[in-house]
C-alpha atoms as a PDB file:
ATOM      1  CA  MET A   1     -44.578  41.331  -1.095  1.00  0.00           C
ATOM      2  CA  TRP A   2     -41.964  43.803  -2.298  1.00  0.00           C
ATOM      3  CA  ARG A   3     -43.504  46.646  -0.322  1.00  0.00           C
ATOM      4  CA  ASN A   4     -43.855  44.817   2.960  1.00  0.00           C
ATOM      5  CA  ARG A   5     -40.397  43.219   3.198  1.00  0.00           C
ATOM      6  CA  PRO A   6     -38.059  44.466   0.468  1.00  0.00           C
ATOM      7  CA  PHE A   7     -34.880  42.940   1.926  1.00  0.00           C
ATOM      8  CA  LEU A   8     -36.438  39.481   2.236  1.00  0.00           C
ATOM      9  CA  PHE A   9     -37.730  39.780  -1.322  1.00  0.00           C
ATOM     10  CA  LEU A  10     -34.234  40.659  -2.607  1.00  0.00           C
ATOM     11  CA  PHE A  11     -32.810  37.749  -0.603  1.00  0.00           C
ATOM     12  CA  CYS A  12     -35.294  35.365  -2.256  1.00  0.00           C
ATOM     13  CA  LEU A  13     -34.333  36.727  -5.667  1.00  0.00           C
ATOM     14  CA  ALA A  14     -30.678  36.084  -4.843  1.00  0.00           C
ATOM     15  CA  LEU A  15     -31.550  32.502  -3.873  1.00  0.00           C
ATOM     16  CA  ILE A  16     -33.120  32.012  -7.301  1.00  0.00           C
ATOM     17  CA  ALA A  17     -29.793  32.747  -8.951  1.00  0.00           C
ATOM     18  CA  VAL A  18     -27.821  30.628  -6.509  1.00  0.00           C
ATOM     19  CA  PHE A  19     -29.914  27.548  -5.769  1.00  0.00           C
ATOM     20  CA  GLY A  20     -33.332  27.974  -7.379  1.00  0.00           C
ATOM     21  CA  LEU A  21     -34.760  27.742  -3.858  1.00  0.00           C
ATOM     22  CA  GLY A  22     -35.968  31.334  -4.066  1.00  0.00           C
ATOM     23  CA  VAL A  23     -38.717  30.344  -6.518  1.00  0.00           C
ATOM     24  CA  LEU A  24     -40.279  28.062  -3.900  1.00  0.00           C
ATOM     25  CA  LEU A  25     -39.936  30.707  -1.185  1.00  0.00           C
ATOM     26  CA  ILE A  26     -41.510  33.423  -3.316  1.00  0.00           C
ATOM     27  CA  LEU A  27     -44.334  31.082  -4.357  1.00  0.00           C
ATOM     28  CA  ALA A  28     -45.068  30.145  -0.726  1.00  0.00           C
ATOM     29  CA  TRP A  29     -44.900  33.808   0.281  1.00  0.00           C
ATOM     30  CA  TYR A  30     -47.304  34.741  -2.522  1.00  0.00           C
ATOM     31  CA  ILE A  31     -49.797  32.124  -1.346  1.00  0.00           C
ATOM     32  CA  VAL A  32     -49.613  33.466   2.213  1.00  0.00           C
ATOM     33  CA  THR A  33     -50.247  37.031   0.988  1.00  0.00           C
ATOM     34  CA  ARG A  34     -53.352  35.907  -0.916  1.00  0.00           C
ATOM     35  CA  MET A  35     -54.886  34.418   2.247  1.00  0.00           C
ATOM     36  CA  ASP A  36     -56.345  37.736   3.475  1.00  0.00           C
ATOM     37  CA  GLN A  37     -59.222  39.659   1.926  1.00  0.00           C
ATOM     38  CA  LEU A  38     -60.650  42.839   3.407  1.00  0.00           C
ATOM     39  CA  LYS A  39     -64.010  44.215   2.269  1.00  0.00           C
ATOM     40  CA  ILE A  40     -65.302  47.567   3.514  1.00  0.00           C
ATOM     41  CA  THR A  41     -68.815  48.773   2.796  1.00  0.00           C
ATOM     42  CA  SER A  42     -70.871  51.563   4.316  1.00  0.00           C
ATOM     43  CA  GLU A  43     -72.423  49.026   6.694  1.00  0.00           C
ATOM     44  CA  LYS A  44     -69.789  46.352   7.453  1.00  0.00           C
ATOM     45  CA  ILE A  45     -66.135  45.411   7.519  1.00  0.00           C
ATOM     46  CA  GLN A  46     -65.484  41.811   6.511  1.00  0.00           C
ATOM     47  CA  TRP A  47     -62.130  40.042   6.778  1.00  0.00           C
ATOM     48  CA  ASP A  48     -61.608  36.585   5.258  1.00  0.00           C
ATOM     49  CA  HIS A  49     -58.455  34.676   6.183  1.00  0.00           C
ATOM     50  CA  GLY A  50     -57.243  31.321   4.908  1.00  0.00           C
ATOM     51  CA  ILE A  51     -57.114  29.176   1.813  1.00  0.00           C
ATOM     52  CA  PHE A  52     -58.277  25.678   2.721  1.00  0.00           C
ATOM     53  CA  SER A  53     -59.861  26.477   6.077  1.00  0.00           C
ATOM     54  CA  LYS A  54     -61.413  29.922   6.334  1.00  0.00           C
ATOM     55  CA  THR A  55     -61.906  32.388   9.149  1.00  0.00           C
ATOM     56  CA  TYR A  56     -64.520  35.094   8.690  1.00  0.00           C
ATOM     57  CA  VAL A  57     -64.729  38.178  10.890  1.00  0.00           C
ATOM     58  CA  GLU A  58     -67.530  40.631  10.247  1.00  0.00           C
ATOM     59  CA  LEU A  59     -68.042  43.904  12.119  1.00  0.00           C
ATOM     60  CA  ASP A  60     -70.759  46.485  11.775  1.00  0.00           C
ATOM     61  CA  ILE A  61     -69.158  49.799  10.904  1.00  0.00           C
ATOM     62  CA  GLU A  62     -70.925  51.452  13.881  1.00  0.00           C
ATOM     63  CA  GLU A  63     -69.219  48.998  16.281  1.00  0.00           C
ATOM     64  CA  VAL A  64     -65.696  50.015  15.252  1.00  0.00           C
ATOM     65  CA  ARG A  65     -64.107  51.871  18.149  1.00  0.00           C
ATOM     66  CA  SER A  66     -60.679  52.549  16.648  1.00  0.00           C
ATOM     67  CA  VAL A  67     -58.399  51.642  13.767  1.00  0.00           C
ATOM     68  CA  ARG A  68     -54.649  51.536  14.326  1.00  0.00           C
ATOM     69  CA  VAL A  69     -51.857  51.449  11.777  1.00  0.00           C
ATOM     70  CA  HIS A  70     -48.331  50.241  12.610  1.00  0.00           C
ATOM     71  CA  GLN A  71     -45.511  50.987  10.153  1.00  0.00           C
ATOM     72  CA  SER A  72     -41.752  50.691  10.366  1.00  0.00           C
ATOM     73  CA  LEU A  73     -39.578  53.197   8.512  1.00  0.00           C
ATOM     74  CA  ILE A  74     -39.204  50.908   5.501  1.00  0.00           C
ATOM     75  CA  GLN A  75     -42.924  50.170   5.498  1.00  0.00           C
ATOM     76  CA  ARG A  76     -43.641  53.916   5.531  1.00  0.00           C
ATOM     77  CA  ILE A  77     -41.348  54.390   2.538  1.00  0.00           C
ATOM     78  CA  PHE A  78     -43.073  51.597   0.610  1.00  0.00           C
ATOM     79  CA  ARG A  79     -46.554  52.492   1.953  1.00  0.00           C
ATOM     80  CA  SER A  80     -47.423  49.224   3.650  1.00  0.00           C
ATOM     81  CA  GLY A  81     -48.040  48.184   7.247  1.00  0.00           C
ATOM     82  CA  ARG A  82     -50.180  46.406   9.792  1.00  0.00           C
ATOM     83  CA  LEU A  83     -53.824  47.355  10.274  1.00  0.00           C
ATOM     84  CA  GLU A  84     -55.676  46.658  13.540  1.00  0.00           C
ATOM     85  CA  VAL A  85     -59.431  47.173  13.953  1.00  0.00           C
ATOM     86  CA  TYR A  86     -60.817  47.381  17.502  1.00  0.00           C
ATOM     87  CA  SER A  87     -64.449  47.144  18.524  1.00  0.00           C
ATOM     88  CA  ALA A  88     -65.331  46.567  22.178  1.00  0.00           C
ATOM     89  CA  GLY A  89     -62.393  44.873  23.893  1.00  0.00           C
ATOM     90  CA  ASP A  90     -58.698  45.463  24.413  1.00  0.00           C
ATOM     91  CA  GLN A  91     -57.751  42.925  21.748  1.00  0.00           C
ATOM     92  CA  PRO A  92     -58.142  43.823  18.072  1.00  0.00           C
ATOM     93  CA  GLU A  93     -60.896  42.047  16.176  1.00  0.00           C
ATOM     94  CA  ILE A  94     -59.016  42.219  12.874  1.00  0.00           C
ATOM     95  CA  VAL A  95     -55.227  42.246  12.362  1.00  0.00           C
ATOM     96  CA  ILE A  96     -53.787  42.245   8.846  1.00  0.00           C
ATOM     97  CA  ASN A  97     -50.019  42.377   8.259  1.00  0.00           C
ATOM     98  CA  GLY A  98     -48.395  43.633   5.071  1.00  0.00           C
ATOM     99  CA  LEU A  99     -51.392  45.598   3.863  1.00  0.00           C
ATOM    100  CA  PRO A 100     -50.737  48.181   1.130  1.00  0.00           C
ATOM    101  CA  TYR A 101     -51.851  51.754   1.917  1.00  0.00           C
ATOM    102  CA  PRO A 102     -53.110  51.077   5.472  1.00  0.00           C
ATOM    103  CA  THR A 103     -53.528  54.795   6.241  1.00  0.00           C
ATOM    104  CA  LYS A 104     -55.965  55.184   3.336  1.00  0.00           C
ATOM    105  CA  ILE A 105     -57.955  52.216   4.639  1.00  0.00           C
ATOM    106  CA  ARG A 106     -58.035  53.820   8.098  1.00  0.00           C
ATOM    107  CA  GLU A 107     -59.329  57.052   6.563  1.00  0.00           C
ATOM    108  CA  ILE A 108     -62.063  55.156   4.680  1.00  0.00           C
ATOM    109  CA  VAL A 109     -63.244  53.448   7.874  1.00  0.00           C
ATOM    110  CA  ASP A 110     -63.122  56.740   9.811  1.00  0.00           C
ATOM    111  CA  ALA A 111     -65.235  58.424   7.130  1.00  0.00           C
ATOM    112  CA  TYR A 112     -68.128  56.052   7.853  1.00  0.00           C
END
């Protein structure tokens, strides 16, 4: 959370001191960040999204056409960003925002 949006995190901390509302915002934000799980093996990439209702996307590693990483300046400083995995179409199959070390994940997928 701190790495992806440091100014919003500091704003929520300030709201804790002022109104106590920041605790609820940070708790909700934490729950949203725990909704995504990415698993990479030598055969597949699996992305699980959701808490109560789940979405599963599974790609064979051979089907991956490209992996893109988008990072703003602040995200580059804190080593976080958005990861997009493309297979056959123009739309990405997997999009994960706020992922720590997305360039390392791209390198792992490219190695397979």
